[in-house]
Amino acid sequence: SINFSSRASVLGTSKVFEDLGVAAYNGAGKLLADGANLLIAGKIVSVEARHATLIRELIAINSFAATDVVDPNGFDKALMPSEVLTQASPYIKTKINASNLPTS
């Protein structure tokens, strides 16, 4: 649940969703066979990353490239759909079955 009267609650939840969105698009990129879809996903993840940076900076200055979202090579982390659903599960009321999605 989100306490909409609490700045910390709203920003904290926003951080979870924005960071998860970036990792989800990065992870799904290798699953997209159509170049046009990959181009669109690339544009969306670019905007998601800007949102994530802003939210993180509102919470703590210079936290946009913290180790919880950036790997040792300096790249944003990537999550597969099953990992995304696991992390998003506290916010999802209706169970989502992603077992039929591609994995490679």
N, C-alpha and C. Protein backbone atom coordinates (compact mmCIF):
# COMPACT_ATOMS: atom_id res chain seq x y z
N SER A 1 0.84 -1.19 0.00
CA SER A 1 0.00 0.00 0.00
C SER A 1 0.88 1.24 0.00
N ILE A 2 0.32 2.29 -0.52
CA ILE A 2 1.03 3.56 -0.59
C ILE A 2 0.29 4.57 0.26
N ASN A 3 1.01 5.27 1.10
CA ASN A 3 0.42 6.34 1.88
C ASN A 3 0.60 7.63 1.08
N PHE A 4 -0.44 8.06 0.42
CA PHE A 4 -0.35 9.23 -0.46
C PHE A 4 -0.20 10.55 0.29
N SER A 5 -0.29 10.51 1.60
CA SER A 5 -0.05 11.73 2.38
C SER A 5 1.40 11.78 2.87
N SER A 6 2.18 10.76 2.50
CA SER A 6 3.58 10.70 2.91
C SER A 6 4.50 10.80 1.69
N ARG A 7 5.32 11.84 1.65
CA ARG A 7 6.26 12.02 0.56
C ARG A 7 7.19 10.81 0.44
N ALA A 8 7.69 10.33 1.58
CA ALA A 8 8.61 9.21 1.59
C ALA A 8 7.96 7.94 1.02
N SER A 9 6.69 7.71 1.35
CA SER A 9 5.98 6.54 0.85
C SER A 9 5.79 6.62 -0.66
N VAL A 10 5.37 7.77 -1.14
CA VAL A 10 5.14 7.94 -2.58
C VAL A 10 6.45 7.84 -3.35
N LEU A 11 7.49 8.50 -2.88
CA LEU A 11 8.77 8.44 -3.58
C LEU A 11 9.38 7.04 -3.50
N GLY A 12 9.26 6.38 -2.36
CA GLY A 12 9.80 5.04 -2.21
C GLY A 12 9.14 4.05 -3.15
N THR A 13 7.82 4.13 -3.26
CA THR A 13 7.10 3.25 -4.17
C THR A 13 7.42 3.60 -5.62
N SER A 14 7.52 4.89 -5.91
CA SER A 14 7.90 5.32 -7.26
C SER A 14 9.27 4.78 -7.64
N LYS A 15 10.20 4.81 -6.70
CA LYS A 15 11.55 4.30 -6.94
C LYS A 15 11.50 2.82 -7.30
N VAL A 16 10.73 2.05 -6.55
CA VAL A 16 10.60 0.62 -6.84
C VAL A 16 10.09 0.41 -8.27
N PHE A 17 9.02 1.11 -8.63
CA PHE A 17 8.43 0.91 -9.95
C PHE A 17 9.34 1.40 -11.08
N GLU A 18 9.97 2.54 -10.91
CA GLU A 18 10.84 3.05 -11.98
C GLU A 18 12.07 2.17 -12.16
N ASP A 19 12.72 1.79 -11.06
CA ASP A 19 13.89 0.92 -11.16
C ASP A 19 13.50 -0.43 -11.76
N LEU A 20 12.38 -0.96 -11.33
CA LEU A 20 11.90 -2.24 -11.85
C LEU A 20 11.56 -2.13 -13.34
N GLY A 21 10.97 -1.02 -13.74
CA GLY A 21 10.65 -0.80 -15.15
C GLY A 21 11.88 -0.81 -16.03
N VAL A 22 12.94 -0.13 -15.58
CA VAL A 22 14.18 -0.11 -16.35
C VAL A 22 14.76 -1.52 -16.46
N ALA A 23 14.84 -2.22 -15.35
CA ALA A 23 15.39 -3.58 -15.36
C ALA A 23 14.53 -4.52 -16.21
N ALA A 24 13.23 -4.32 -16.19
CA ALA A 24 12.32 -5.17 -16.97
C ALA A 24 12.53 -4.96 -18.47
N TYR A 25 12.59 -3.71 -18.90
CA TYR A 25 12.82 -3.46 -20.33
C TYR A 25 14.20 -3.95 -20.76
N ASN A 26 15.20 -3.75 -19.91
CA ASN A 26 16.55 -4.23 -20.25
C ASN A 26 16.57 -5.74 -20.37
N GLY A 27 15.88 -6.43 -19.49
CA GLY A 27 15.84 -7.89 -19.55
C GLY A 27 15.05 -8.41 -20.73
N ALA A 28 13.99 -7.72 -21.08
CA ALA A 28 13.13 -8.18 -22.17
C ALA A 28 13.74 -7.88 -23.54
N GLY A 29 14.68 -6.97 -23.60
CA GLY A 29 15.27 -6.60 -24.88
C GLY A 29 15.78 -7.78 -25.68
N LYS A 30 16.45 -8.71 -25.02
CA LYS A 30 17.00 -9.87 -25.74
C LYS A 30 15.92 -10.84 -26.19
N LEU A 31 14.71 -10.67 -25.69
CA LEU A 31 13.61 -11.56 -26.07
C LEU A 31 12.83 -11.04 -27.27
N LEU A 32 13.13 -9.83 -27.70
CA LEU A 32 12.40 -9.23 -28.82
C LEU A 32 13.10 -9.55 -30.13
N ALA A 33 12.40 -10.26 -31.00
CA ALA A 33 12.97 -10.67 -32.28
C ALA A 33 12.80 -9.60 -33.36
N ASP A 34 11.76 -8.80 -33.26
CA ASP A 34 11.45 -7.79 -34.27
C ASP A 34 12.21 -6.50 -33.94
N GLY A 35 13.04 -6.06 -34.86
CA GLY A 35 13.83 -4.86 -34.65
C GLY A 35 13.00 -3.62 -34.36
N ALA A 36 11.81 -3.53 -34.96
CA ALA A 36 10.93 -2.38 -34.71
C ALA A 36 10.47 -2.37 -33.26
N ASN A 37 10.15 -3.54 -32.72
CA ASN A 37 9.74 -3.62 -31.32
C ASN A 37 10.90 -3.29 -30.39
N LEU A 38 12.10 -3.74 -30.75
CA LEU A 38 13.27 -3.43 -29.95
C LEU A 38 13.54 -1.92 -29.95
N LEU A 39 13.36 -1.27 -31.08
CA LEU A 39 13.53 0.18 -31.16
C LEU A 39 12.55 0.90 -30.24
N ILE A 40 11.31 0.50 -30.27
CA ILE A 40 10.29 1.12 -29.41
C ILE A 40 10.62 0.87 -27.94
N ALA A 41 10.99 -0.35 -27.60
CA ALA A 41 11.36 -0.67 -26.21
C ALA A 41 12.55 0.17 -25.76
N GLY A 42 13.51 0.37 -26.65
CA GLY A 42 14.67 1.20 -26.34
C GLY A 42 14.29 2.63 -26.04
N LYS A 43 13.34 3.15 -26.77
CA LYS A 43 12.86 4.52 -26.51
C LYS A 43 12.16 4.60 -25.17
N ILE A 44 11.35 3.59 -24.86
CA ILE A 44 10.61 3.58 -23.60
C ILE A 44 11.57 3.46 -22.42
N VAL A 45 12.55 2.55 -22.51
CA VAL A 45 13.46 2.36 -21.38
C VAL A 45 14.30 3.62 -21.16
N SER A 46 14.58 4.35 -22.20
CA SER A 46 15.31 5.61 -22.06
C SER A 46 14.52 6.60 -21.19
N VAL A 47 13.23 6.69 -21.42
CA VAL A 47 12.38 7.58 -20.62
C VAL A 47 12.24 7.04 -19.20
N GLU A 48 12.07 5.72 -19.07
CA GLU A 48 11.97 5.11 -17.74
C GLU A 48 13.23 5.40 -16.92
N ALA A 49 14.39 5.33 -17.56
CA ALA A 49 15.65 5.59 -16.86
C ALA A 49 15.72 7.05 -16.39
N ARG A 50 15.21 7.96 -17.19
CA ARG A 50 15.17 9.37 -16.76
C ARG A 50 14.26 9.54 -15.56
N HIS A 51 13.11 8.88 -15.59
CA HIS A 51 12.19 8.93 -14.45
C HIS A 51 12.87 8.35 -13.20
N ALA A 52 13.51 7.20 -13.36
CA ALA A 52 14.17 6.55 -12.22
C ALA A 52 15.25 7.46 -11.63
N THR A 53 16.00 8.12 -12.49
CA THR A 53 17.05 9.03 -12.01
C THR A 53 16.46 10.17 -11.21
N LEU A 54 15.40 10.77 -11.71
CA LEU A 54 14.78 11.89 -11.00
C LEU A 54 14.26 11.45 -9.64
N ILE A 55 13.56 10.34 -9.59
CA ILE A 55 13.01 9.85 -8.32
C ILE A 55 14.15 9.57 -7.34
N ARG A 56 15.20 8.90 -7.79
CA ARG A 56 16.32 8.60 -6.91
C ARG A 56 16.99 9.87 -6.41
N GLU A 57 17.13 10.86 -7.26
CA GLU A 57 17.76 12.11 -6.84
C GLU A 57 16.89 12.89 -5.86
N LEU A 58 15.57 12.77 -5.97
CA LEU A 58 14.68 13.40 -5.00
C LEU A 58 14.81 12.75 -3.63
N ILE A 59 15.13 11.46 -3.61
CA ILE A 59 15.28 10.73 -2.35
C ILE A 59 16.67 10.96 -1.76
N ALA A 60 17.71 10.81 -2.58
CA ALA A 60 19.08 10.95 -2.11
C ALA A 60 19.97 11.41 -3.27
N ILE A 61 20.65 12.50 -3.09
CA ILE A 61 21.52 13.06 -4.13
C ILE A 61 22.60 12.04 -4.52
N ASN A 62 22.86 11.96 -5.82
CA ASN A 62 23.88 11.08 -6.41
C ASN A 62 23.61 9.59 -6.19
N SER A 63 22.36 9.21 -6.08
CA SER A 63 22.03 7.79 -5.89
C SER A 63 21.56 7.13 -7.19
N PHE A 64 21.57 7.88 -8.28
CA PHE A 64 21.01 7.37 -9.54
C PHE A 64 21.82 6.22 -10.12
N ALA A 65 23.06 6.08 -9.73
CA ALA A 65 23.90 5.00 -10.26
C ALA A 65 24.39 4.09 -9.14
N ALA A 66 23.54 3.87 -8.15
CA ALA A 66 23.91 3.03 -7.01
C ALA A 66 24.04 1.57 -7.43
N THR A 67 24.74 0.78 -6.63
CA THR A 67 25.01 -0.60 -6.99
C THR A 67 23.77 -1.49 -7.00
N ASP A 68 22.66 -1.03 -6.44
CA ASP A 68 21.44 -1.85 -6.49
C ASP A 68 20.77 -1.79 -7.86
N VAL A 69 21.15 -0.84 -8.71
CA VAL A 69 20.55 -0.74 -10.04
C VAL A 69 21.58 -0.77 -11.17
N VAL A 70 22.86 -0.68 -10.84
CA VAL A 70 23.91 -0.68 -11.85
C VAL A 70 24.86 -1.84 -11.55
N ASP A 71 25.18 -2.61 -12.59
CA ASP A 71 26.07 -3.76 -12.39
C ASP A 71 27.53 -3.30 -12.31
N PRO A 72 28.46 -4.21 -11.99
CA PRO A 72 29.88 -3.83 -11.86
C PRO A 72 30.49 -3.23 -13.13
N ASN A 73 29.87 -3.47 -14.29
CA ASN A 73 30.37 -2.90 -15.55
C ASN A 73 29.80 -1.51 -15.82
N GLY A 74 28.92 -1.03 -14.95
CA GLY A 74 28.35 0.30 -15.13
C GLY A 74 27.06 0.32 -15.92
N PHE A 75 26.51 -0.85 -16.23
CA PHE A 75 25.26 -0.93 -16.99
C PHE A 75 24.08 -1.09 -16.05
N ASP A 76 22.94 -0.53 -16.46
CA ASP A 76 21.72 -0.76 -15.70
C ASP A 76 21.45 -2.26 -15.67
N LYS A 77 20.99 -2.75 -14.53
CA LYS A 77 20.71 -4.18 -14.40
C LYS A 77 19.52 -4.57 -15.26
N ALA A 78 19.47 -5.85 -15.59
CA ALA A 78 18.40 -6.41 -16.41
C ALA A 78 17.76 -7.58 -15.67
N LEU A 79 16.44 -7.67 -15.74
CA LEU A 79 15.71 -8.77 -15.10
C LEU A 79 14.83 -9.46 -16.13
N MET A 80 14.73 -10.77 -16.00
CA MET A 80 13.83 -11.54 -16.84
C MET A 80 12.40 -11.39 -16.31
N PRO A 81 11.40 -11.67 -17.15
CA PRO A 81 10.01 -11.48 -16.73
C PRO A 81 9.66 -12.15 -15.41
N SER A 82 10.14 -13.36 -15.17
CA SER A 82 9.82 -14.04 -13.90
C SER A 82 10.40 -13.29 -12.72
N GLU A 83 11.59 -12.71 -12.87
CA GLU A 83 12.20 -11.93 -11.79
C GLU A 83 11.43 -10.64 -11.56
N VAL A 84 10.97 -10.02 -12.64
CA VAL A 84 10.18 -8.79 -12.54
C VAL A 84 8.89 -9.07 -11.77
N LEU A 85 8.22 -10.15 -12.12
CA LEU A 85 6.96 -10.50 -11.44
C LEU A 85 7.18 -10.79 -9.97
N THR A 86 8.28 -11.44 -9.64
CA THR A 86 8.58 -11.72 -8.24
C THR A 86 8.74 -10.42 -7.46
N GLN A 87 9.48 -9.47 -8.02
CA GLN A 87 9.70 -8.20 -7.32
C GLN A 87 8.44 -7.34 -7.28
N ALA A 88 7.60 -7.46 -8.31
CA ALA A 88 6.38 -6.65 -8.37
C ALA A 88 5.23 -7.27 -7.59
N SER A 89 5.36 -8.52 -7.19
CA SER A 89 4.24 -9.24 -6.57
C SER A 89 3.61 -8.55 -5.37
N PRO A 90 4.34 -7.81 -4.54
CA PRO A 90 3.67 -7.13 -3.43
C PRO A 90 2.65 -6.09 -3.88
N TYR A 91 2.75 -5.65 -5.12
CA TYR A 91 1.88 -4.59 -5.64
C TYR A 91 0.78 -5.13 -6.56
N ILE A 92 0.81 -6.43 -6.85
CA ILE A 92 -0.13 -7.03 -7.80
C ILE A 92 -1.18 -7.82 -7.04
N LYS A 93 -2.44 -7.48 -7.27
CA LYS A 93 -3.53 -8.19 -6.59
C LYS A 93 -3.94 -9.46 -7.33
N THR A 94 -3.90 -9.43 -8.65
CA THR A 94 -4.28 -10.59 -9.45
C THR A 94 -3.02 -11.29 -9.93
N LYS A 95 -2.88 -12.56 -9.61
CA LYS A 95 -1.68 -13.31 -9.98
C LYS A 95 -1.52 -13.33 -11.50
N ILE A 96 -0.30 -13.09 -11.95
CA ILE A 96 0.03 -13.10 -13.37
C ILE A 96 0.90 -14.33 -13.64
N ASN A 97 0.54 -15.09 -14.64
CA ASN A 97 1.31 -16.27 -15.01
C ASN A 97 2.13 -15.91 -16.25
N ALA A 98 3.44 -15.93 -16.09
CA ALA A 98 4.32 -15.60 -17.20
C ALA A 98 5.09 -16.83 -17.68
N SER A 99 4.60 -18.00 -17.36
CA SER A 99 5.33 -19.23 -17.68
C SER A 99 5.43 -19.49 -19.19
N ASN A 100 4.56 -18.88 -19.98
CA ASN A 100 4.59 -19.11 -21.42
C ASN A 100 5.42 -18.09 -22.18
N LEU A 101 6.11 -17.21 -21.48
CA LEU A 101 6.96 -16.22 -22.15
C LEU A 101 8.29 -16.83 -22.55
N PRO A 102 8.91 -16.31 -23.60
CA PRO A 102 10.23 -16.82 -23.99
C PRO A 102 11.26 -16.52 -22.91
N THR A 103 12.29 -17.32 -22.83
CA THR A 103 13.36 -17.11 -21.85
C THR A 103 14.71 -16.87 -22.50
N SER A 104 14.76 -17.00 -23.81
CA SER A 104 16.02 -16.74 -24.52
C SER A 104 15.74 -16.34 -25.95
